[in-house]
Every structure is written in C-alpha cells, then in structure tokens.
Protein backbone atom coordinates (compact mmCIF):
# COMPACT_ATOMS: atom_id res chain seq x y z
CA UNK A 1 42.52 44.59 26.91
CA UNK A 2 40.65 46.08 23.90
CA UNK A 3 37.50 44.57 22.89
CA UNK A 4 37.32 42.48 20.25
CA UNK A 5 38.09 43.75 16.60
CA UNK A 6 39.83 46.98 18.57
CA UNK A 7 43.23 48.02 18.37
CA UNK A 8 44.89 50.32 21.00
CA UNK A 9 45.83 53.89 19.99
CA UNK A 10 49.28 54.53 18.59
CA UNK A 11 51.69 55.94 20.99
CA UNK A 12 52.66 58.87 19.09
CA UNK A 13 51.53 62.11 17.42
CA UNK A 14 47.88 61.59 16.32
CA UNK A 15 47.26 60.88 12.63
CA UNK A 16 50.66 59.04 11.85
CA UNK A 17 51.16 55.22 11.45
CA UNK A 18 52.68 54.10 14.67
CA UNK A 19 55.17 52.04 13.40
CA UNK A 20 54.56 48.24 12.06
CA UNK A 21 51.79 46.60 13.52
CA UNK A 22 50.74 42.77 13.63
CA UNK A 23 47.86 44.03 10.86
CA UNK A 24 45.39 40.94 10.46
CA UNK A 25 43.81 41.25 7.03
CA UNK A 26 41.29 38.00 7.72
CA UNK A 27 40.02 40.34 10.53
CA UNK A 28 39.56 43.19 8.53
CA UNK A 29 37.93 40.78 5.54
CA UNK A 30 35.27 39.29 8.04
CA UNK A 31 34.94 42.26 10.08
CA UNK A 32 33.97 44.18 6.41
CA UNK A 33 31.44 41.42 5.47
CA UNK A 34 29.85 41.74 9.23
CA UNK A 35 29.31 45.39 8.77
CA UNK A 36 28.33 45.33 5.28
CA UNK A 37 25.50 42.50 6.07
CA UNK A 38 24.68 44.74 9.18
CA UNK A 39 24.20 47.98 7.07
CA UNK A 40 23.54 46.44 3.86
CA UNK A 41 20.46 48.64 2.48
CA UNK A 42 22.16 52.12 3.20
CA UNK A 43 25.48 50.79 2.04
CA UNK A 44 24.15 49.39 -1.34
CA UNK A 45 21.98 52.66 -1.39
CA UNK A 46 24.99 54.77 -1.33
CA UNK A 47 26.72 52.62 -3.98
CA UNK A 48 23.44 52.83 -5.94
CA UNK A 49 23.76 56.69 -6.40
CA UNK A 50 27.53 56.03 -7.90
CA UNK A 51 26.05 53.28 -10.11
CA UNK A 52 23.35 55.37 -11.19
CA UNK A 53 25.52 58.54 -11.91
CA UNK A 54 27.55 56.23 -13.94
CA UNK A 55 24.80 54.56 -15.89
CA UNK A 56 23.13 58.21 -16.77
CA UNK A 57 26.52 59.36 -18.08
CA UNK A 58 26.81 56.06 -20.26
CA UNK A 59 23.37 56.74 -21.74
CA UNK A 60 24.06 60.10 -22.72
CA UNK A 61 27.08 59.12 -24.41
CA UNK A 62 25.17 56.39 -26.40
CA UNK A 63 22.67 59.28 -27.38
CA UNK A 64 25.48 61.50 -28.32
CA UNK A 65 27.03 58.35 -30.72
CA UNK A 66 23.45 57.36 -32.04
CA UNK A 67 23.32 61.33 -33.34
CA UNK A 68 26.80 60.84 -35.03
CA UNK A 69 25.68 57.72 -36.69
CA UNK A 70 22.62 59.55 -38.14
CA UNK A 71 24.41 62.40 -39.33
CA UNK A 72 27.14 60.30 -40.84
CA UNK A 73 24.26 58.27 -43.01
CA UNK A 74 24.36 60.53 -45.49
CA UNK A 75 25.46 59.15 -48.67
CA UNK A 76 25.44 59.39 -52.54
CA UNK A 77 25.70 56.68 -54.88
CA UNK A 78 28.47 56.79 -57.82
CA UNK A 79 28.48 53.92 -60.20
CA UNK A 80 26.66 51.86 -57.70
CA UNK A 81 29.24 52.45 -54.98
CA UNK A 82 27.92 54.36 -51.41
CA UNK A 83 30.20 57.77 -50.65
CA UNK A 84 29.69 59.18 -47.32
CA UNK A 85 29.30 62.93 -47.45
CA UNK A 86 32.47 63.75 -45.57
CA UNK A 87 31.77 67.25 -44.62
CA UNK A 88 28.65 66.61 -42.43
CA UNK A 89 30.42 63.71 -40.90
CA UNK A 90 33.57 65.22 -40.16
CA UNK A 91 31.93 68.02 -38.65
CA UNK A 92 29.50 65.89 -36.60
CA UNK A 93 32.92 63.65 -35.47
CA UNK A 94 34.47 66.51 -33.97
CA UNK A 95 31.39 67.83 -31.97
CA UNK A 96 30.52 64.22 -30.83
CA UNK A 97 34.00 63.94 -29.45
CA UNK A 98 33.81 67.22 -27.58
CA UNK A 99 30.35 66.63 -26.15
CA UNK A 100 31.46 62.89 -25.29
CA UNK A 101 34.80 64.12 -23.56
CA UNK A 102 32.93 66.96 -21.59
CA UNK A 103 30.12 64.43 -20.68
CA UNK A 104 32.54 61.73 -19.53
CA UNK A 105 34.43 64.33 -17.14
CA UNK A 106 31.29 65.87 -15.93
CA UNK A 107 29.80 62.50 -15.04
CA UNK A 108 33.07 60.92 -13.73
CA UNK A 109 33.54 63.86 -11.23
CA UNK A 110 29.69 63.37 -10.10
CA UNK A 111 30.40 59.64 -9.72
CA UNK A 112 33.92 60.33 -8.01
CA UNK A 113 32.16 62.76 -5.51
CA UNK A 114 29.42 60.34 -4.48
CA UNK A 115 32.23 57.29 -4.13
CA UNK A 116 33.72 60.04 -1.41
CA UNK A 117 30.20 59.27 0.38
CA UNK A 118 31.13 55.43 0.61
CA UNK A 119 34.60 55.98 1.92
CA UNK A 120 33.33 58.53 4.41
CA UNK A 121 30.74 56.02 5.92
CA UNK A 122 33.18 53.33 5.90
CA UNK A 123 35.41 55.31 8.18
CA UNK A 124 32.44 56.40 10.60
CA UNK A 125 31.75 52.68 10.89
CA UNK A 126 35.15 51.74 12.00
CA UNK A 127 34.44 54.47 14.61
CA UNK A 128 30.91 52.80 15.64
CA UNK A 129 28.73 55.14 14.12
CA UNK A 130 25.80 54.16 11.58
CA UNK A 131 26.57 55.12 8.08
CA UNK A 132 23.84 57.05 6.16
CA UNK A 133 22.95 59.15 3.39
CA UNK A 134 24.42 62.17 5.47
CA UNK A 135 28.10 60.70 4.68
CA UNK A 136 27.15 61.57 1.07
CA UNK A 137 26.02 65.07 1.61
CA UNK A 138 28.31 66.28 4.06
CA UNK A 139 31.67 68.48 3.26
CA UNK A 140 33.61 67.20 5.92
CA UNK A 141 37.24 67.43 4.73
CA UNK A 142 35.75 67.18 1.26
CA UNK A 143 38.34 70.09 -0.04
CA UNK A 144 41.51 68.60 1.42
CA UNK A 145 40.29 65.02 0.10
CA UNK A 146 39.78 66.31 -3.43
CA UNK A 147 43.17 68.22 -3.28
CA UNK A 148 45.07 65.02 -2.06
CA UNK A 149 43.11 62.64 -4.62
CA UNK A 150 44.21 64.89 -7.51
CA UNK A 151 47.83 65.18 -6.28
CA UNK A 152 47.57 61.14 -5.92
CA UNK A 153 46.37 60.63 -9.61
CA UNK A 154 49.10 63.17 -10.91
CA UNK A 155 51.94 61.01 -9.14
CA UNK A 156 50.24 58.19 -10.69
CA UNK A 157 49.92 59.50 -14.15
CA UNK A 158 53.74 60.82 -14.08
CA UNK A 159 54.89 57.37 -13.04
CA UNK A 160 53.04 55.73 -15.69
CA UNK A 161 54.15 57.85 -18.26
CA UNK A 162 57.85 56.91 -16.91
CA UNK A 163 57.92 53.49 -17.94
CA UNK A 164 54.67 52.21 -16.12
CA UNK A 165 56.65 50.48 -13.09
CA UNK A 166 56.99 54.17 -10.97
CA UNK A 167 53.24 54.72 -11.56
CA UNK A 168 52.70 51.26 -9.96
CA UNK A 169 54.79 51.98 -7.20
CA UNK A 170 52.82 55.31 -6.48
CA UNK A 171 49.67 53.71 -6.53
CA UNK A 172 50.91 51.38 -3.94
CA UNK A 173 52.71 53.82 -1.51
CA UNK A 174 50.12 56.36 -1.47
CA UNK A 175 47.02 54.58 -1.71
CA UNK A 176 45.90 55.42 1.64
CA UNK A 177 46.65 59.40 1.26
CA UNK A 178 43.02 59.99 0.27
CA UNK A 179 42.05 58.18 3.68
CA UNK A 180 44.17 60.38 5.78
CA UNK A 181 42.84 63.53 4.24
CA UNK A 182 39.30 62.55 4.61
CA UNK A 183 39.44 61.04 8.02
CA UNK A 184 41.93 63.72 9.63
CA UNK A 185 41.85 66.71 7.30
CA UNK A 186 45.38 66.38 6.50
CA UNK A 187 47.28 68.39 4.11
CA UNK A 188 48.82 66.95 0.90
CA UNK A 189 52.42 66.45 2.34
CA UNK A 190 51.14 64.98 5.66
CA UNK A 191 48.93 62.66 3.90
CA UNK A 192 51.42 61.34 1.23
CA UNK A 193 53.86 60.90 4.21
CA UNK A 194 51.58 58.90 6.46
CA UNK A 195 50.57 56.62 3.64
CA UNK A 196 54.31 55.90 2.84
CA UNK A 197 55.02 55.26 6.26
CA UNK A 198 52.19 53.08 6.68
CA UNK A 199 52.56 50.95 3.58
CA UNK A 200 56.57 50.62 3.99
CA UNK A 201 56.14 49.66 7.58
CA UNK A 202 53.64 47.39 7.07
CA UNK A 203 54.53 46.09 3.45
CA UNK A 204 52.76 42.58 3.47
CA UNK A 205 49.33 43.51 4.83
CA UNK A 206 49.34 46.68 2.56
CA UNK A 207 50.26 44.26 -0.17
CA UNK A 208 47.61 41.91 0.47
CA UNK A 209 45.16 44.65 0.96
CA UNK A 210 45.73 45.93 -2.48
CA UNK A 211 45.41 42.62 -4.02
CA UNK A 212 41.90 42.27 -2.37
CA UNK A 213 40.81 45.76 -3.30
CA UNK A 214 42.12 44.73 -7.10
CA UNK A 215 40.23 41.43 -6.96
CA UNK A 216 36.96 43.35 -5.51
CA UNK A 217 37.29 46.27 -8.29
CA UNK A 218 37.46 43.14 -10.94
CA UNK A 219 34.22 41.34 -9.72
CA UNK A 220 32.52 44.78 -9.51
CA UNK A 221 32.64 45.01 -13.19
CA UNK A 222 30.57 41.86 -13.72
CA UNK A 223 26.74 41.73 -14.73
CA UNK A 224 27.51 45.19 -16.33
CA UNK A 225 28.84 46.76 -13.28
CA UNK A 226 25.69 45.75 -10.98
CA UNK A 227 27.87 43.95 -8.32
CA UNK A 228 29.61 47.25 -7.62
CA UNK A 229 26.50 47.69 -5.45
CA UNK A 230 28.49 45.11 -3.25
CA UNK A 231 31.86 45.14 -4.05
CA UNK A 232 32.34 49.03 -3.46
CA UNK A 233 31.05 49.18 0.06
CA UNK A 234 32.98 46.03 1.07
CA UNK A 235 36.33 47.27 -0.38
CA UNK A 236 35.78 50.84 1.22
CA UNK A 237 34.98 48.91 4.74
CA UNK A 238 37.93 46.35 4.33
CA UNK A 239 40.14 49.17 3.44
CA UNK A 240 39.25 51.33 6.30
CA UNK A 241 39.82 48.58 8.72
CA UNK A 242 42.98 47.99 7.45
CA UNK A 243 43.92 51.72 7.55
CA UNK A 244 42.83 51.77 11.36
CA UNK A 245 44.99 48.91 12.11
CA UNK A 246 47.99 50.48 10.50
CA UNK A 247 47.39 53.69 12.50
CA UNK A 248 46.89 51.56 15.72
CA UNK A 249 43.48 53.11 16.17
CA UNK A 250 40.55 51.62 17.97
CA UNK A 251 38.03 49.82 15.74
CA UNK A 252 34.34 49.36 16.80
CA UNK A 253 33.46 45.55 16.93
C-alpha cells in the first residue's frame, strides 16, 4: 500500500500517462492547501518576484503615458477654442506606443520566466523536496519548457483566430504540455502528445482542474493583483498534484 497522498507509478514508459486513473480533485486541493501552509513563506516569496516584476513594468508604462500627456499639452487658442498642436502629439504617440510595447514584452517575459520557478517548486514539492529560491534560478529543462510553452501559446492563438472554440479546445487539451517539458525534459511532440492523452483519458478530473485554475486566476486579480501571492503558488501546487495523479506517479504526503 502506498503512503497517504501517494500514487503507484504507472506500468508503462516513463513520462507517459498510464491510462485513465481515479484522479481525486479533492485530495489535490487539500494537499495544495497543506503544502502552501507549510511552505508559505518561500512560496509567497517566489510569487512576490512575479508580482514585483509586473508592478515595475506597470509603473514604467505609467511614466511613459504621463510623458505623452505632457507632450500633448501644447495647445494654442483660436477664437477662444483650444487646439492641440498635432505634430508633437502625433510623434509622441508613436514613440509612446513603441516604448510601451517594448516595456510590456520585456517585463512580460521576465514575469513569465519568474513564474516558471513557482511551477518547478510545485513539481519538486510533489516529490518531497523543499521548495526554495533555487527553483527560480536553476535552468533545469528551462529551454525545453520555453519552446513547448511558445508552441502551446501559438496553438491557442491560431485556434482563437479560427472562431475561438478551437483555441479553447487547444488550451484545455495541451495545458499540461509545459509541465511535461519542465518536469521530464520532453520535446514538443512528446509533451503535447502526453498532455493530450492525460486530459482526454481523465476528462472530468482535467476539466475540474481547469475550472479550479480559472477561478484561482480570477481571485488573484483582486486587491490590485496582491492575491496573486497566494493564488499563483496554490494553483501551481494543485496542478502539479493532478499532473502526478494523471501519470500514476508517487506523490509525497
């Protein structure tokens, strides 16, 4: 008998979902709460890195927008009516859009990379390891994760362009592909295939997992995003536990 909270390894190739399992969403939920409580300080610290990066990006964009307003305040009065000097304002608008886009991309990528550390910490926690800031700085399987995540995003983008529904389906079926890449170093084809297999063979638990993650992400937007400090690591722990269940892998109690 495996210890409480553990699941026997699948009888099949390593890194593949070994058929449908009786995945327990409630167990994953309670386990995530327990582990978050146990490692709250470090998990909130990891999430704080993501929050601060996003905040800095937002503040820089605010400064850029304020500068645009200042440049567009050059007005002249004709017959008592204020007319903006369009030349300076139009030039500033173009510069602002470019600067704002670059800022959003740079800080978006930095926040995304920081988020990987939280997912890695969650996966390590399922193995009984203590999460820490080393999960943020290590480059273990980082390249493969980035490639898989980019392909996953492209599939969603193309699907959304094709009447939206295909994008939603792609987001659901391949949602675990980045976890396979980060945890096992799988290639794009392997990660997408195993995610498809895991979500289709365990459709109801996977659907419930998706709903929990959507609700958690929504909660994280409250209080100017401050609740992300709790919501993001909880969601990572919960999803990592479900991921292990789908693969019939042992989970540290």
